[in-house]
Amino acid sequence: MGEADTPGEDAHCRIQLACEHGGDDGRIVAAAFAAFGPPVVVACSDWVCEQVEDRTIKDARSLNLRAIEQALVLAAGERYAALLVMDALDMALARASSNLG
């Protein structure tokens, strides 16, 4: 599980990954999220979870901010939501890799 929030705590994201096998080659079999904040935070969280399911932890790490921005056509003022979700995902991937390795 990985979590992140904005400095003013007006947005929060938690991403939880279920993985099988060990290390960076572990496969993400399910991804879920809990998000609090504006709809853009929920949209980014949902999109990221859809993208990482059925990928290895290593492959999921290749997901980047630009991919989210382009897929969801985020405005400049919505970029924070993608950053928030990427922070939560990075933490979840790091924990999943170390827990399974």
PDB file of N, CA and C in Angstrom:
ATOM      1  N   MET A   1       0.838  -1.169   0.000  1.00  0.00           N
ATOM      2  CA  MET A   1       0.000   0.000   0.000  1.00  0.00           C
ATOM      3  C   MET A   1       0.887   1.238   0.000  1.00  0.00           C
ATOM      4  N   GLY A   2       0.452   2.252  -0.725  1.00  0.00           N
ATOM      5  CA  GLY A   2       1.142   3.523  -0.739  1.00  0.00           C
ATOM      6  C   GLY A   2       0.140   4.654  -0.577  1.00  0.00           C
ATOM      7  N   GLU A   3       0.556   5.702   0.122  1.00  0.00           N
ATOM      8  CA  GLU A   3      -0.333   6.834   0.359  1.00  0.00           C
ATOM      9  C   GLU A   3       0.394   8.144   0.107  1.00  0.00           C
ATOM     10  N   ALA A   4      -0.376   9.152  -0.286  1.00  0.00           N
ATOM     11  CA  ALA A   4       0.165  10.494  -0.458  1.00  0.00           C
ATOM     12  C   ALA A   4      -0.976  11.492  -0.284  1.00  0.00           C
ATOM     13  N   ASP A   5      -0.619  12.686   0.155  1.00  0.00           N
ATOM     14  CA  ASP A   5      -1.618  13.749   0.226  1.00  0.00           C
ATOM     15  C   ASP A   5      -0.979  15.076  -0.136  1.00  0.00           C
ATOM     16  N   THR A   6      -1.815  16.048  -0.401  1.00  0.00           N
ATOM     17  CA  THR A   6      -1.323  17.376  -0.749  1.00  0.00           C
ATOM     18  C   THR A   6      -0.968  18.110   0.534  1.00  0.00           C
ATOM     19  N   PRO A   7      -0.112  19.134   0.453  1.00  0.00           N
ATOM     20  CA  PRO A   7       0.312  19.853   1.661  1.00  0.00           C
ATOM     21  C   PRO A   7      -0.851  20.384   2.501  1.00  0.00           C
ATOM     22  N   GLY A   8      -1.877  20.886   1.866  1.00  0.00           N
ATOM     23  CA  GLY A   8      -3.038  21.386   2.609  1.00  0.00           C
ATOM     24  C   GLY A   8      -4.005  20.288   2.994  1.00  0.00           C
ATOM     25  N   GLU A   9      -3.671  19.048   2.641  1.00  0.00           N
ATOM     26  CA  GLU A   9      -4.485  17.867   2.910  1.00  0.00           C
ATOM     27  C   GLU A   9      -5.900  17.985   2.360  1.00  0.00           C
ATOM     28  N   ASP A  10      -6.045  18.690   1.231  1.00  0.00           N
ATOM     29  CA  ASP A  10      -7.359  18.753   0.603  1.00  0.00           C
ATOM     30  C   ASP A  10      -7.536  17.642  -0.429  1.00  0.00           C
ATOM     31  N   ALA A  11      -6.484  16.835  -0.618  1.00  0.00           N
ATOM     32  CA  ALA A  11      -6.555  15.671  -1.500  1.00  0.00           C
ATOM     33  C   ALA A  11      -5.672  14.570  -0.919  1.00  0.00           C
ATOM     34  N   HIS A  12      -6.152  13.344  -1.025  1.00  0.00           N
ATOM     35  CA  HIS A  12      -5.446  12.185  -0.474  1.00  0.00           C
ATOM     36  C   HIS A  12      -5.672  11.007  -1.408  1.00  0.00           C
ATOM     37  N   CYS A  13      -4.636  10.198  -1.577  1.00  0.00           N
ATOM     38  CA  CYS A  13      -4.743   8.997  -2.402  1.00  0.00           C
ATOM     39  C   CYS A  13      -4.050   7.834  -1.707  1.00  0.00           C
ATOM     40  N   ARG A  14      -4.715   6.695  -1.717  1.00  0.00           N
ATOM     41  CA  ARG A  14      -4.134   5.448  -1.210  1.00  0.00           C
ATOM     42  C   ARG A  14      -4.272   4.421  -2.332  1.00  0.00           C
ATOM     43  N   ILE A  15      -3.177   3.777  -2.669  1.00  0.00           N
ATOM     44  CA  ILE A  15      -3.197   2.720  -3.674  1.00  0.00           C
ATOM     45  C   ILE A  15      -2.732   1.436  -3.023  1.00  0.00           C
ATOM     46  N   GLN A  16      -3.502   0.377  -3.247  1.00  0.00           N
ATOM     47  CA  GLN A  16      -3.177  -0.921  -2.684  1.00  0.00           C
ATOM     48  C   GLN A  16      -3.008  -1.917  -3.824  1.00  0.00           C
ATOM     49  N   LEU A  17      -1.912  -2.667  -3.775  1.00  0.00           N
ATOM     50  CA  LEU A  17      -1.596  -3.638  -4.812  1.00  0.00           C
ATOM     51  C   LEU A  17      -1.579  -5.049  -4.246  1.00  0.00           C
ATOM     52  N   ALA A  18      -2.166  -5.972  -4.983  1.00  0.00           N
ATOM     53  CA  ALA A  18      -2.065  -7.392  -4.653  1.00  0.00           C
ATOM     54  C   ALA A  18      -1.150  -8.012  -5.702  1.00  0.00           C
ATOM     55  N   CYS A  19      -0.056  -8.614  -5.232  1.00  0.00           N
ATOM     56  CA  CYS A  19       0.956  -9.141  -6.149  1.00  0.00           C
ATOM     57  C   CYS A  19       1.206 -10.615  -5.903  1.00  0.00           C
ATOM     58  N   GLU A  20       1.691 -11.267  -6.934  1.00  0.00           N
ATOM     59  CA  GLU A  20       2.145 -12.648  -6.777  1.00  0.00           C
ATOM     60  C   GLU A  20       3.590 -12.734  -7.241  1.00  0.00           C
ATOM     61  N   HIS A  21       4.326 -13.626  -6.666  1.00  0.00           N
ATOM     62  CA  HIS A  21       5.751 -13.838  -6.936  1.00  0.00           C
ATOM     63  C   HIS A  21       6.586 -12.732  -6.316  1.00  0.00           C
ATOM     64  N   GLY A  22       7.892 -12.827  -6.471  1.00  0.00           N
ATOM     65  CA  GLY A  22       8.775 -11.939  -5.747  1.00  0.00           C
ATOM     66  C   GLY A  22       9.480 -10.877  -6.551  1.00  0.00           C
ATOM     67  N   GLY A  23       9.950  -9.861  -5.833  1.00  0.00           N
ATOM     68  CA  GLY A  23      10.781  -8.800  -6.390  1.00  0.00           C
ATOM     69  C   GLY A  23      10.130  -8.008  -7.501  1.00  0.00           C
ATOM     70  N   ASP A  24      10.978  -7.424  -8.347  1.00  0.00           N
ATOM     71  CA  ASP A  24      10.487  -6.594  -9.444  1.00  0.00           C
ATOM     72  C   ASP A  24       9.733  -7.388 -10.500  1.00  0.00           C
ATOM     73  N   ASP A  25       9.927  -8.712 -10.521  1.00  0.00           N
ATOM     74  CA  ASP A  25       9.218  -9.546 -11.489  1.00  0.00           C
ATOM     75  C   ASP A  25       7.852  -9.996 -10.980  1.00  0.00           C
ATOM     76  N   GLY A  26       7.502  -9.584  -9.770  1.00  0.00           N
ATOM     77  CA  GLY A  26       6.188  -9.924  -9.228  1.00  0.00           C
ATOM     78  C   GLY A  26       5.083  -9.308 -10.075  1.00  0.00           C
ATOM     79  N   ARG A  27       4.033 -10.049 -10.308  1.00  0.00           N
ATOM     80  CA  ARG A  27       2.924  -9.573 -11.128  1.00  0.00           C
ATOM     81  C   ARG A  27       1.842  -8.976 -10.241  1.00  0.00           C
ATOM     82  N   ILE A  28       1.356  -7.810 -10.655  1.00  0.00           N
ATOM     83  CA  ILE A  28       0.266  -7.140  -9.945  1.00  0.00           C
ATOM     84  C   ILE A  28      -1.033  -7.764 -10.442  1.00  0.00           C
ATOM     85  N   VAL A  29      -1.705  -8.494  -9.572  1.00  0.00           N
ATOM     86  CA  VAL A  29      -2.939  -9.176  -9.973  1.00  0.00           C
ATOM     87  C   VAL A  29      -4.177  -8.328  -9.710  1.00  0.00           C
ATOM     88  N   ALA A  30      -4.053  -7.356  -8.813  1.00  0.00           N
ATOM     89  CA  ALA A  30      -5.172  -6.453  -8.546  1.00  0.00           C
ATOM     90  C   ALA A  30      -4.623  -5.143  -7.994  1.00  0.00           C
ATOM     91  N   ALA A  31      -5.297  -4.061  -8.355  1.00  0.00           N
ATOM     92  CA  ALA A  31      -4.932  -2.733  -7.847  1.00  0.00           C
ATOM     93  C   ALA A  31      -6.221  -2.016  -7.466  1.00  0.00           C
ATOM     94  N   ALA A  32      -6.201  -1.396  -6.306  1.00  0.00           N
ATOM     95  CA  ALA A  32      -7.381  -0.674  -5.828  1.00  0.00           C
ATOM     96  C   ALA A  32      -6.936   0.659  -5.249  1.00  0.00           C
ATOM     97  N   PHE A  33      -7.868   1.589  -5.149  1.00  0.00           N
ATOM     98  CA  PHE A  33      -7.539   2.904  -4.618  1.00  0.00           C
ATOM     99  C   PHE A  33      -8.659   3.420  -3.724  1.00  0.00           C
ATOM    100  N   ALA A  34      -8.268   4.342  -2.869  1.00  0.00           N
ATOM    101  CA  ALA A  34      -9.206   5.156  -2.101  1.00  0.00           C
ATOM    102  C   ALA A  34      -8.711   6.580  -2.288  1.00  0.00           C
ATOM    103  N   ALA A  35      -9.587   7.466  -2.702  1.00  0.00           N
ATOM    104  CA  ALA A  35      -9.171   8.839  -2.971  1.00  0.00           C
ATOM    105  C   ALA A  35     -10.158   9.816  -2.341  1.00  0.00           C
ATOM    106  N   PHE A  36      -9.617  10.900  -1.835  1.00  0.00           N
ATOM    107  CA  PHE A  36     -10.400  11.982  -1.274  1.00  0.00           C
ATOM    108  C   PHE A  36      -9.946  13.256  -1.958  1.00  0.00           C
ATOM    109  N   GLY A  37     -10.880  14.040  -2.418  1.00  0.00           N
ATOM    110  CA  GLY A  37     -10.531  15.298  -3.054  1.00  0.00           C
ATOM    111  C   GLY A  37     -11.353  15.541  -4.295  1.00  0.00           C
ATOM    112  N   PRO A  38     -10.893  16.442  -5.141  1.00  0.00           N
ATOM    113  CA  PRO A  38     -11.614  16.769  -6.364  1.00  0.00           C
ATOM    114  C   PRO A  38     -11.721  15.563  -7.307  1.00  0.00           C
ATOM    115  N   PRO A  39     -12.679  15.580  -8.223  1.00  0.00           N
ATOM    116  CA  PRO A  39     -12.862  14.463  -9.153  1.00  0.00           C
ATOM    117  C   PRO A  39     -11.607  14.095  -9.956  1.00  0.00           C
ATOM    118  N   VAL A  40     -10.750  15.063 -10.221  1.00  0.00           N
ATOM    119  CA  VAL A  40      -9.532  14.758 -10.981  1.00  0.00           C
ATOM    120  C   VAL A  40      -8.623  13.794 -10.216  1.00  0.00           C
ATOM    121  N   VAL A  41      -8.641  13.851  -8.905  1.00  0.00           N
ATOM    122  CA  VAL A  41      -7.843  12.922  -8.089  1.00  0.00           C
ATOM    123  C   VAL A  41      -8.401  11.503  -8.239  1.00  0.00           C
ATOM    124  N   VAL A  42      -9.708  11.383  -8.215  1.00  0.00           N
ATOM    125  CA  VAL A  42     -10.349  10.081  -8.392  1.00  0.00           C
ATOM    126  C   VAL A  42     -10.069   9.543  -9.799  1.00  0.00           C
ATOM    127  N   ALA A  43     -10.174  10.402 -10.801  1.00  0.00           N
ATOM    128  CA  ALA A  43      -9.929   9.977 -12.187  1.00  0.00           C
ATOM    129  C   ALA A  43      -8.493   9.483 -12.368  1.00  0.00           C
ATOM    130  N   CYS A  44      -7.533  10.212 -11.838  1.00  0.00           N
ATOM    131  CA  CYS A  44      -6.126   9.796 -11.952  1.00  0.00           C
ATOM    132  C   CYS A  44      -5.883   8.479 -11.219  1.00  0.00           C
ATOM    133  N   SER A  45      -6.452   8.349 -10.043  1.00  0.00           N
ATOM    134  CA  SER A  45      -6.280   7.122  -9.253  1.00  0.00           C
ATOM    135  C   SER A  45      -6.844   5.919  -9.995  1.00  0.00           C
ATOM    136  N   ASP A  46      -8.034   6.069 -10.525  1.00  0.00           N
ATOM    137  CA  ASP A  46      -8.685   4.984 -11.250  1.00  0.00           C
ATOM    138  C   ASP A  46      -7.880   4.592 -12.484  1.00  0.00           C
ATOM    139  N   TRP A  47      -7.439   5.577 -13.247  1.00  0.00           N
ATOM    140  CA  TRP A  47      -6.691   5.300 -14.468  1.00  0.00           C
ATOM    141  C   TRP A  47      -5.388   4.565 -14.156  1.00  0.00           C
ATOM    142  N   VAL A  48      -4.684   5.020 -13.140  1.00  0.00           N
ATOM    143  CA  VAL A  48      -3.416   4.379 -12.768  1.00  0.00           C
ATOM    144  C   VAL A  48      -3.642   2.931 -12.345  1.00  0.00           C
ATOM    145  N   CYS A  49      -4.661   2.686 -11.543  1.00  0.00           N
ATOM    146  CA  CYS A  49      -4.932   1.305 -11.114  1.00  0.00           C
ATOM    147  C   CYS A  49      -5.263   0.410 -12.303  1.00  0.00           C
ATOM    148  N   GLU A  50      -6.021   0.925 -13.261  1.00  0.00           N
ATOM    149  CA  GLU A  50      -6.319   0.140 -14.459  1.00  0.00           C
ATOM    150  C   GLU A  50      -5.051  -0.174 -15.245  1.00  0.00           C
ATOM    151  N   GLN A  51      -4.123   0.748 -15.296  1.00  0.00           N
ATOM    152  CA  GLN A  51      -2.902   0.581 -16.085  1.00  0.00           C
ATOM    153  C   GLN A  51      -1.925  -0.414 -15.472  1.00  0.00           C
ATOM    154  N   VAL A  52      -1.874  -0.512 -14.154  1.00  0.00           N
ATOM    155  CA  VAL A  52      -0.857  -1.377 -13.537  1.00  0.00           C
ATOM    156  C   VAL A  52      -1.309  -2.816 -13.346  1.00  0.00           C
ATOM    157  N   GLU A  53      -2.605  -3.079 -13.382  1.00  0.00           N
ATOM    158  CA  GLU A  53      -3.065  -4.460 -13.223  1.00  0.00           C
ATOM    159  C   GLU A  53      -2.533  -5.331 -14.344  1.00  0.00           C
ATOM    160  N   ASP A  54      -2.152  -6.542 -13.988  1.00  0.00           N
ATOM    161  CA  ASP A  54      -1.609  -7.542 -14.917  1.00  0.00           C
ATOM    162  C   ASP A  54      -0.255  -7.151 -15.499  1.00  0.00           C
ATOM    163  N   ARG A  55       0.460  -6.275 -14.830  1.00  0.00           N
ATOM    164  CA  ARG A  55       1.824  -5.917 -15.228  1.00  0.00           C
ATOM    165  C   ARG A  55       2.763  -6.333 -14.102  1.00  0.00           C
ATOM    166  N   THR A  56       4.045  -6.456 -14.428  1.00  0.00           N
ATOM    167  CA  THR A  56       5.014  -6.714 -13.367  1.00  0.00           C
ATOM    168  C   THR A  56       5.286  -5.401 -12.629  1.00  0.00           C
ATOM    169  N   ILE A  57       5.849  -5.515 -11.456  1.00  0.00           N
ATOM    170  CA  ILE A  57       6.216  -4.320 -10.695  1.00  0.00           C
ATOM    171  C   ILE A  57       7.198  -3.485 -11.508  1.00  0.00           C
ATOM    172  N   LYS A  58       8.134  -4.145 -12.154  1.00  0.00           N
ATOM    173  CA  LYS A  58       9.112  -3.436 -12.983  1.00  0.00           C
ATOM    174  C   LYS A  58       8.428  -2.662 -14.108  1.00  0.00           C
ATOM    175  N   ASP A  59       7.491  -3.282 -14.793  1.00  0.00           N
ATOM    176  CA  ASP A  59       6.767  -2.609 -15.880  1.00  0.00           C
ATOM    177  C   ASP A  59       5.907  -1.461 -15.353  1.00  0.00           C
ATOM    178  N   ALA A  60       5.306  -1.662 -14.203  1.00  0.00           N
ATOM    179  CA  ALA A  60       4.456  -0.616 -13.617  1.00  0.00           C
ATOM    180  C   ALA A  60       5.277   0.621 -13.273  1.00  0.00           C
ATOM    181  N   ARG A  61       6.544   0.416 -12.946  1.00  0.00           N
ATOM    182  CA  ARG A  61       7.413   1.560 -12.640  1.00  0.00           C
ATOM    183  C   ARG A  61       7.652   2.454 -13.857  1.00  0.00           C
ATOM    184  N   SER A  62       7.420   1.937 -15.045  1.00  0.00           N
ATOM    185  CA  SER A  62       7.621   2.747 -16.254  1.00  0.00           C
ATOM    186  C   SER A  62       6.483   3.742 -16.481  1.00  0.00           C
ATOM    187  N   LEU A  63       5.389   3.572 -15.766  1.00  0.00           N
ATOM    188  CA  LEU A  63       4.285   4.534 -15.860  1.00  0.00           C
ATOM    189  C   LEU A  63       4.779   5.882 -15.343  1.00  0.00           C
ATOM    190  N   ASN A  64       4.474   6.952 -16.073  1.00  0.00           N
ATOM    191  CA  ASN A  64       4.992   8.252 -15.663  1.00  0.00           C
ATOM    192  C   ASN A  64       3.924   9.335 -15.698  1.00  0.00           C
ATOM    193  N   LEU A  65       4.309  10.467 -15.192  1.00  0.00           N
ATOM    194  CA  LEU A  65       3.416  11.612 -15.086  1.00  0.00           C
ATOM    195  C   LEU A  65       2.863  12.019 -16.448  1.00  0.00           C
ATOM    196  N   ARG A  66       3.708  12.050 -17.437  1.00  0.00           N
ATOM    197  CA  ARG A  66       3.278  12.465 -18.779  1.00  0.00           C
ATOM    198  C   ARG A  66       2.191  11.545 -19.331  1.00  0.00           C
ATOM    199  N   ALA A  67       2.291  10.247 -19.068  1.00  0.00           N
ATOM    200  CA  ALA A  67       1.283   9.303 -19.548  1.00  0.00           C
ATOM    201  C   ALA A  67      -0.085   9.624 -18.954  1.00  0.00           C
ATOM    202  N   ILE A  68      -0.115   9.950 -17.672  1.00  0.00           N
ATOM    203  CA  ILE A  68      -1.385  10.302 -17.023  1.00  0.00           C
ATOM    204  C   ILE A  68      -1.928  11.594 -17.609  1.00  0.00           C
ATOM    205  N   GLU A  69      -1.062  12.586 -17.716  1.00  0.00           N
ATOM    206  CA  GLU A  69      -1.482  13.891 -18.243  1.00  0.00           C
ATOM    207  C   GLU A  69      -2.070  13.760 -19.644  1.00  0.00           C
ATOM    208  N   GLN A  70      -1.427  12.973 -20.484  1.00  0.00           N
ATOM    209  CA  GLN A  70      -1.913  12.809 -21.851  1.00  0.00           C
ATOM    210  C   GLN A  70      -3.193  11.987 -21.914  1.00  0.00           C
ATOM    211  N   ALA A  71      -3.256  10.909 -21.160  1.00  0.00           N
ATOM    212  CA  ALA A  71      -4.428  10.036 -21.203  1.00  0.00           C
ATOM    213  C   ALA A  71      -5.687  10.751 -20.713  1.00  0.00           C
ATOM    214  N   LEU A  72      -5.529  11.567 -19.687  1.00  0.00           N
ATOM    215  CA  LEU A  72      -6.695  12.234 -19.089  1.00  0.00           C
ATOM    216  C   LEU A  72      -6.830  13.688 -19.535  1.00  0.00           C
ATOM    217  N   VAL A  73      -5.943  14.126 -20.407  1.00  0.00           N
ATOM    218  CA  VAL A  73      -5.954  15.501 -20.933  1.00  0.00           C
ATOM    219  C   VAL A  73      -6.089  16.504 -19.774  1.00  0.00           C
ATOM    220  N   LEU A  74      -5.125  16.422 -18.859  1.00  0.00           N
ATOM    221  CA  LEU A  74      -5.159  17.274 -17.679  1.00  0.00           C
ATOM    222  C   LEU A  74      -4.738  18.703 -18.008  1.00  0.00           C
ATOM    223  N   ALA A  75      -5.428  19.644 -17.410  1.00  0.00           N
ATOM    224  CA  ALA A  75      -5.039  21.054 -17.503  1.00  0.00           C
ATOM    225  C   ALA A  75      -3.862  21.278 -16.565  1.00  0.00           C
ATOM    226  N   ALA A  76      -3.157  22.373 -16.757  1.00  0.00           N
ATOM    227  CA  ALA A  76      -1.988  22.678 -15.925  1.00  0.00           C
ATOM    228  C   ALA A  76      -2.360  22.695 -14.434  1.00  0.00           C
ATOM    229  N   GLY A  77      -3.509  23.206 -14.101  1.00  0.00           N
ATOM    230  CA  GLY A  77      -3.942  23.281 -12.707  1.00  0.00           C
ATOM    231  C   GLY A  77      -4.362  21.949 -12.111  1.00  0.00           C
ATOM    232  N   GLU A  78      -4.447  20.920 -12.938  1.00  0.00           N
ATOM    233  CA  GLU A  78      -4.824  19.584 -12.461  1.00  0.00           C
ATOM    234  C   GLU A  78      -3.619  18.651 -12.339  1.00  0.00           C
ATOM    235  N   ARG A  79      -2.461  19.140 -12.706  1.00  0.00           N
ATOM    236  CA  ARG A  79      -1.245  18.309 -12.692  1.00  0.00           C
ATOM    237  C   ARG A  79      -0.947  17.773 -11.296  1.00  0.00           C
ATOM    238  N   TYR A  80      -1.291  18.527 -10.273  1.00  0.00           N
ATOM    239  CA  TYR A  80      -1.029  18.084  -8.902  1.00  0.00           C
ATOM    240  C   TYR A  80      -1.660  16.726  -8.621  1.00  0.00           C
ATOM    241  N   ALA A  81      -2.815  16.447  -9.227  1.00  0.00           N
ATOM    242  CA  ALA A  81      -3.511  15.187  -8.980  1.00  0.00           C
ATOM    243  C   ALA A  81      -2.681  14.015  -9.506  1.00  0.00           C
ATOM    244  N   ALA A  82      -2.106  14.182 -10.690  1.00  0.00           N
ATOM    245  CA  ALA A  82      -1.267  13.130 -11.252  1.00  0.00           C
ATOM    246  C   ALA A  82      -0.017  12.929 -10.393  1.00  0.00           C
ATOM    247  N   LEU A  83       0.578  14.020  -9.916  1.00  0.00           N
ATOM    248  CA  LEU A  83       1.747  13.922  -9.037  1.00  0.00           C
ATOM    249  C   LEU A  83       1.401  13.197  -7.738  1.00  0.00           C
ATOM    250  N   LEU A  84       0.266  13.517  -7.174  1.00  0.00           N
ATOM    251  CA  LEU A  84      -0.203  12.891  -5.941  1.00  0.00           C
ATOM    252  C   LEU A  84      -0.345  11.382  -6.130  1.00  0.00           C
ATOM    253  N   VAL A  85      -1.003  10.993  -7.195  1.00  0.00           N
ATOM    254  CA  VAL A  85      -1.235   9.576  -7.466  1.00  0.00           C
ATOM    255  C   VAL A  85       0.078   8.853  -7.773  1.00  0.00           C
ATOM    256  N   MET A  86       0.967   9.491  -8.507  1.00  0.00           N
ATOM    257  CA  MET A  86       2.264   8.872  -8.789  1.00  0.00           C
ATOM    258  C   MET A  86       3.070   8.668  -7.505  1.00  0.00           C
ATOM    259  N   ASP A  87       2.999   9.615  -6.574  1.00  0.00           N
ATOM    260  CA  ASP A  87       3.683   9.440  -5.288  1.00  0.00           C
ATOM    261  C   ASP A  87       3.142   8.224  -4.547  1.00  0.00           C
ATOM    262  N   ALA A  88       1.818   8.077  -4.522  1.00  0.00           N
ATOM    263  CA  ALA A  88       1.207   6.922  -3.851  1.00  0.00           C
ATOM    264  C   ALA A  88       1.588   5.624  -4.559  1.00  0.00           C
ATOM    265  N   LEU A  89       1.576   5.641  -5.890  1.00  0.00           N
ATOM    266  CA  LEU A  89       1.946   4.446  -6.650  1.00  0.00           C
ATOM    267  C   LEU A  89       3.404   4.078  -6.414  1.00  0.00           C
ATOM    268  N   ASP A  90       4.293   5.048  -6.444  1.00  0.00           N
ATOM    269  CA  ASP A  90       5.716   4.770  -6.212  1.00  0.00           C
ATOM    270  C   ASP A  90       5.933   4.108  -4.861  1.00  0.00           C
ATOM    271  N   MET A  91       5.241   4.596  -3.840  1.00  0.00           N
ATOM    272  CA  MET A  91       5.368   4.006  -2.508  1.00  0.00           C
ATOM    273  C   MET A  91       4.815   2.580  -2.502  1.00  0.00           C
ATOM    274  N   ALA A  92       3.672   2.367  -3.137  1.00  0.00           N
ATOM    275  CA  ALA A  92       3.073   1.034  -3.185  1.00  0.00           C
ATOM    276  C   ALA A  92       3.982   0.048  -3.933  1.00  0.00           C
ATOM    277  N   LEU A  93       4.569   0.496  -5.033  1.00  0.00           N
ATOM    278  CA  LEU A  93       5.457  -0.380  -5.794  1.00  0.00           C
ATOM    279  C   LEU A  93       6.721  -0.720  -5.014  1.00  0.00           C
ATOM    280  N   ALA A  94       7.264   0.261  -4.322  1.00  0.00           N
ATOM    281  CA  ALA A  94       8.458   0.007  -3.517  1.00  0.00           C
ATOM    282  C   ALA A  94       8.167  -0.996  -2.407  1.00  0.00           C
ATOM    283  N   ARG A  95       7.042  -0.828  -1.753  1.00  0.00           N
ATOM    284  CA  ARG A  95       6.674  -1.768  -0.685  1.00  0.00           C
ATOM    285  C   ARG A  95       6.394  -3.153  -1.225  1.00  0.00           C
ATOM    286  N   ALA A  96       5.695  -3.222  -2.373  1.00  0.00           N
ATOM    287  CA  ALA A  96       5.380  -4.522  -2.961  1.00  0.00           C
ATOM    288  C   ALA A  96       6.671  -5.250  -3.360  1.00  0.00           C
ATOM    289  N   SER A  97       7.599  -4.530  -3.927  1.00  0.00           N
ATOM    290  CA  SER A  97       8.861  -5.139  -4.354  1.00  0.00           C
ATOM    291  C   SER A  97       9.658  -5.651  -3.154  1.00  0.00           C
ATOM    292  N   SER A  98       9.738  -4.855  -2.094  1.00  0.00           N
ATOM    293  CA  SER A  98      10.526  -5.270  -0.924  1.00  0.00           C
ATOM    294  C   SER A  98       9.813  -6.351  -0.112  1.00  0.00           C
ATOM    295  N   ASN A  99       8.493  -6.359  -0.102  1.00  0.00           N
ATOM    296  CA  ASN A  99       7.754  -7.379   0.647  1.00  0.00           C
ATOM    297  C   ASN A  99       7.799  -8.731  -0.043  1.00  0.00           C
ATOM    298  N   LEU A 100       7.956  -8.730  -1.357  1.00  0.00           N
ATOM    299  CA  LEU A 100       7.921  -9.984  -2.088  1.00  0.00           C
ATOM    300  C   LEU A 100       9.295 -10.515  -2.458  1.00  0.00           C
ATOM    301  N   GLY A 101      10.314  -9.658  -2.331  1.00  0.00           N
ATOM    302  CA  GLY A 101      11.654 -10.026  -2.775  1.00  0.00           C
ATOM    303  C   GLY A 101      12.351 -11.004  -1.907  1.00  0.00           C
TER     304      GLY A 101
END
